Amino acid sequence: MLKWRRGSSEPNNKYLVAMAELGTMSIDPERALNAIKGIDDLANSRRALFTLARVSDNLSDRIKTDTGISINKDARIVMDRDGAVHMLSTHGQGGKKPANPLTDADLGRLPYVFGRPRCDY
């Protein structure tokens, strides 16, 4: 049996649609390579933080509407070393070997995932 988000056996249709859209979006190769290198630099202690994306006007407005929390427009969405090490060791190329490990293509998509205002899945 397939396991979906939150351990349920039924897929969350909004989540699946969002993932399908992400899989078909056009991605700037330079931005993707920058993300891969930035995450690698974090994991290898060559930098303290890496900016994955910036908060767009739409995302800032959406967060305020949905949660009541004000986020500055153009604020940085960052990852720190602990986040990079956890992601790579638990979900990627490190010691634990998940059934579907993260790939460089997945890492290259992270700026798009975090920068998108769609948060409904």
C-alpha atoms as a PDB file:
ATOM      1  CA  MET A   1       0.000   0.000   0.000  1.00  0.00           C
ATOM      2  CA  LEU A   2       1.258   3.463  -0.853  1.00  0.00           C
ATOM      3  CA  LYS A   3       1.688   5.880   2.013  1.00  0.00           C
ATOM      4  CA  TRP A   4       0.727   9.465   1.349  1.00  0.00           C
ATOM      5  CA  ARG A   5       1.211  12.648   3.316  1.00  0.00           C
ATOM      6  CA  ARG A   6       0.368  12.473   7.012  1.00  0.00           C
ATOM      7  CA  GLY A   7       0.410   8.670   6.871  1.00  0.00           C
ATOM      8  CA  SER A   8      -3.010   8.321   5.256  1.00  0.00           C
ATOM      9  CA  SER A   9      -3.601   5.708   2.591  1.00  0.00           C
ATOM     10  CA  GLU A  10      -5.585   8.139   0.432  1.00  0.00           C
ATOM     11  CA  PRO A  11      -3.854  10.865  -1.544  1.00  0.00           C
ATOM     12  CA  ASN A  12      -4.575  14.508  -0.829  1.00  0.00           C
ATOM     13  CA  ASN A  13      -5.764  15.655  -4.278  1.00  0.00           C
ATOM     14  CA  LYS A  14      -4.611  19.250  -3.786  1.00  0.00           C
ATOM     15  CA  TYR A  15      -1.165  17.964  -2.832  1.00  0.00           C
ATOM     16  CA  LEU A  16      -0.999  15.721  -5.905  1.00  0.00           C
ATOM     17  CA  VAL A  17      -2.079  18.536  -8.217  1.00  0.00           C
ATOM     18  CA  ALA A  18       0.538  20.861  -6.742  1.00  0.00           C
ATOM     19  CA  MET A  19       3.247  18.224  -7.161  1.00  0.00           C
ATOM     20  CA  ALA A  20       2.190  17.545 -10.762  1.00  0.00           C
ATOM     21  CA  GLU A  21       2.358  21.268 -11.516  1.00  0.00           C
ATOM     22  CA  LEU A  22       5.791  21.457  -9.919  1.00  0.00           C
ATOM     23  CA  GLY A  23       7.013  18.536 -11.998  1.00  0.00           C
ATOM     24  CA  THR A  24       5.998  20.260 -15.223  1.00  0.00           C
ATOM     25  CA  MET A  25       7.091  23.822 -14.435  1.00  0.00           C
ATOM     26  CA  SER A  26       9.968  25.306 -16.361  1.00  0.00           C
ATOM     27  CA  ILE A  27      12.976  25.745 -14.128  1.00  0.00           C
ATOM     28  CA  ASP A  28      15.910  28.051 -14.751  1.00  0.00           C
ATOM     29  CA  PRO A  29      18.965  25.739 -14.813  1.00  0.00           C
ATOM     30  CA  GLU A  30      21.215  28.424 -13.340  1.00  0.00           C
ATOM     31  CA  ARG A  31      18.854  28.987 -10.406  1.00  0.00           C
ATOM     32  CA  ALA A  32      18.593  25.227  -9.862  1.00  0.00           C
ATOM     33  CA  LEU A  33      22.378  24.785  -9.881  1.00  0.00           C
ATOM     34  CA  ASN A  34      22.723  27.702  -7.471  1.00  0.00           C
ATOM     35  CA  ALA A  35      20.314  25.959  -5.083  1.00  0.00           C
ATOM     36  CA  ILE A  36      22.181  22.644  -5.328  1.00  0.00           C
ATOM     37  CA  LYS A  37      25.529  24.363  -4.688  1.00  0.00           C
ATOM     38  CA  GLY A  38      24.095  26.468  -1.845  1.00  0.00           C
ATOM     39  CA  ILE A  39      22.700  23.430  -0.055  1.00  0.00           C
ATOM     40  CA  ASP A  40      25.981  21.561  -0.544  1.00  0.00           C
ATOM     41  CA  ASP A  41      27.891  24.561   0.837  1.00  0.00           C
ATOM     42  CA  LEU A  42      25.630  24.582   3.906  1.00  0.00           C
ATOM     43  CA  ALA A  43      26.021  20.876   4.538  1.00  0.00           C
ATOM     44  CA  ASN A  44      29.806  21.174   4.266  1.00  0.00           C
ATOM     45  CA  SER A  45      30.006  24.238   6.548  1.00  0.00           C
ATOM     46  CA  ARG A  46      31.141  26.610   3.803  1.00  0.00           C
ATOM     47  CA  ARG A  47      28.316  29.027   4.656  1.00  0.00           C
ATOM     48  CA  ALA A  48      25.909  29.620   7.541  1.00  0.00           C
ATOM     49  CA  LEU A  49      22.683  30.389   5.638  1.00  0.00           C
ATOM     50  CA  PHE A  50      21.435  30.014   2.092  1.00  0.00           C
ATOM     51  CA  THR A  51      18.591  32.059   0.629  1.00  0.00           C
ATOM     52  CA  LEU A  52      16.243  29.673  -1.168  1.00  0.00           C
ATOM     53  CA  ALA A  53      13.741  32.304  -2.248  1.00  0.00           C
ATOM     54  CA  ARG A  54      12.212  35.642  -1.342  1.00  0.00           C
ATOM     55  CA  VAL A  55       8.695  36.310  -0.099  1.00  0.00           C
ATOM     56  CA  SER A  56       6.692  37.679  -2.997  1.00  0.00           C
ATOM     57  CA  ASP A  57       3.915  40.245  -2.616  1.00  0.00           C
ATOM     58  CA  ASN A  58       1.366  37.492  -3.302  1.00  0.00           C
ATOM     59  CA  LEU A  59       2.879  35.131  -0.729  1.00  0.00           C
ATOM     60  CA  SER A  60       3.070  37.881   1.904  1.00  0.00           C
ATOM     61  CA  ASP A  61      -0.581  38.762   1.306  1.00  0.00           C
ATOM     62  CA  ARG A  62      -1.602  35.089   1.376  1.00  0.00           C
ATOM     63  CA  ILE A  63       0.165  34.454   4.683  1.00  0.00           C
ATOM     64  CA  LYS A  64      -1.474  37.536   6.226  1.00  0.00           C
ATOM     65  CA  THR A  65      -4.920  36.495   4.969  1.00  0.00           C
ATOM     66  CA  ASP A  66      -4.612  32.847   5.988  1.00  0.00           C
ATOM     67  CA  THR A  67      -2.818  33.225   9.320  1.00  0.00           C
ATOM     68  CA  GLY A  68      -2.985  36.858  10.390  1.00  0.00           C
ATOM     69  CA  ILE A  69       0.826  36.919  10.544  1.00  0.00           C
ATOM     70  CA  SER A  70       2.566  39.782   8.745  1.00  0.00           C
ATOM     71  CA  ILE A  71       5.647  38.817   6.749  1.00  0.00           C
ATOM     72  CA  ASN A  72       7.720  41.512   5.089  1.00  0.00           C
ATOM     73  CA  LYS A  73       7.518  41.446   1.342  1.00  0.00           C
ATOM     74  CA  ASP A  74      10.879  40.459  -0.136  1.00  0.00           C
ATOM     75  CA  ALA A  75      11.952  38.782   3.144  1.00  0.00           C
ATOM     76  CA  ARG A  76      14.447  35.978   2.649  1.00  0.00           C
ATOM     77  CA  ILE A  77      13.372  32.330   2.922  1.00  0.00           C
ATOM     78  CA  VAL A  78      16.537  30.697   4.213  1.00  0.00           C
ATOM     79  CA  MET A  79      17.907  27.282   5.081  1.00  0.00           C
ATOM     80  CA  ASP A  80      20.587  26.804   7.716  1.00  0.00           C
ATOM     81  CA  ARG A  81      23.274  24.132   8.041  1.00  0.00           C
ATOM     82  CA  ASP A  82      21.159  21.936  10.345  1.00  0.00           C
ATOM     83  CA  GLY A  83      18.328  21.942   7.808  1.00  0.00           C
ATOM     84  CA  ALA A  84      20.649  21.025   4.954  1.00  0.00           C
ATOM     85  CA  VAL A  85      22.363  18.241   6.918  1.00  0.00           C
ATOM     86  CA  HIS A  86      19.013  16.819   8.049  1.00  0.00           C
ATOM     87  CA  MET A  87      17.571  16.938   4.552  1.00  0.00           C
ATOM     88  CA  LEU A  88      20.557  15.280   2.913  1.00  0.00           C
ATOM     89  CA  SER A  89      21.241  12.693   5.623  1.00  0.00           C
ATOM     90  CA  THR A  90      17.633  11.702   6.248  1.00  0.00           C
ATOM     91  CA  HIS A  91      16.082  12.175   2.833  1.00  0.00           C
ATOM     92  CA  GLY A  92      19.023  12.259   0.461  1.00  0.00           C
ATOM     93  CA  GLN A  93      22.537  11.066  -0.153  1.00  0.00           C
ATOM     94  CA  GLY A  94      23.564  10.520   3.485  1.00  0.00           C
ATOM     95  CA  GLY A  95      23.529   7.586   5.887  1.00  0.00           C
ATOM     96  CA  LYS A  96      19.832   6.709   5.837  1.00  0.00           C
ATOM     97  CA  LYS A  97      18.600   5.431   2.498  1.00  0.00           C
ATOM     98  CA  PRO A  98      14.939   6.288   1.939  1.00  0.00           C
ATOM     99  CA  ALA A  99      12.896   4.442  -0.671  1.00  0.00           C
ATOM    100  CA  ASN A 100      12.683   7.605  -2.808  1.00  0.00           C
ATOM    101  CA  PRO A 101      15.765   9.687  -1.982  1.00  0.00           C
ATOM    102  CA  LEU A 102      16.045  13.328  -2.911  1.00  0.00           C
ATOM    103  CA  THR A 103      17.796  13.977  -6.195  1.00  0.00           C
ATOM    104  CA  ASP A 104      19.666  17.019  -7.457  1.00  0.00           C
ATOM    105  CA  ALA A 105      16.550  17.819  -9.488  1.00  0.00           C
ATOM    106  CA  ASP A 106      14.532  17.896  -6.244  1.00  0.00           C
ATOM    107  CA  LEU A 107      17.065  20.220  -4.621  1.00  0.00           C
ATOM    108  CA  GLY A 108      17.003  22.460  -7.682  1.00  0.00           C
ATOM    109  CA  ARG A 109      13.223  22.823  -7.346  1.00  0.00           C
ATOM    110  CA  LEU A 110      13.328  23.992  -3.708  1.00  0.00           C
ATOM    111  CA  PRO A 111      13.500  27.727  -4.530  1.00  0.00           C
ATOM    112  CA  TYR A 112      10.316  27.308  -6.555  1.00  0.00           C
ATOM    113  CA  VAL A 113       8.564  25.290  -3.851  1.00  0.00           C
ATOM    114  CA  PHE A 114       9.304  27.819  -1.109  1.00  0.00           C
ATOM    115  CA  GLY A 115       8.754  30.855  -3.300  1.00  0.00           C
ATOM    116  CA  ARG A 116       5.321  29.852  -4.554  1.00  0.00           C
ATOM    117  CA  PRO A 117       2.288  31.500  -3.004  1.00  0.00           C
ATOM    118  CA  ARG A 118       0.212  28.330  -3.344  1.00  0.00           C
ATOM    119  CA  CYS A 119      -0.134  26.899   0.147  1.00  0.00           C
ATOM    120  CA  ASP A 120      -3.424  25.006  -0.060  1.00  0.00           C
ATOM    121  CA  TYR A 121      -2.327  21.382   0.006  1.00  0.00           C
END
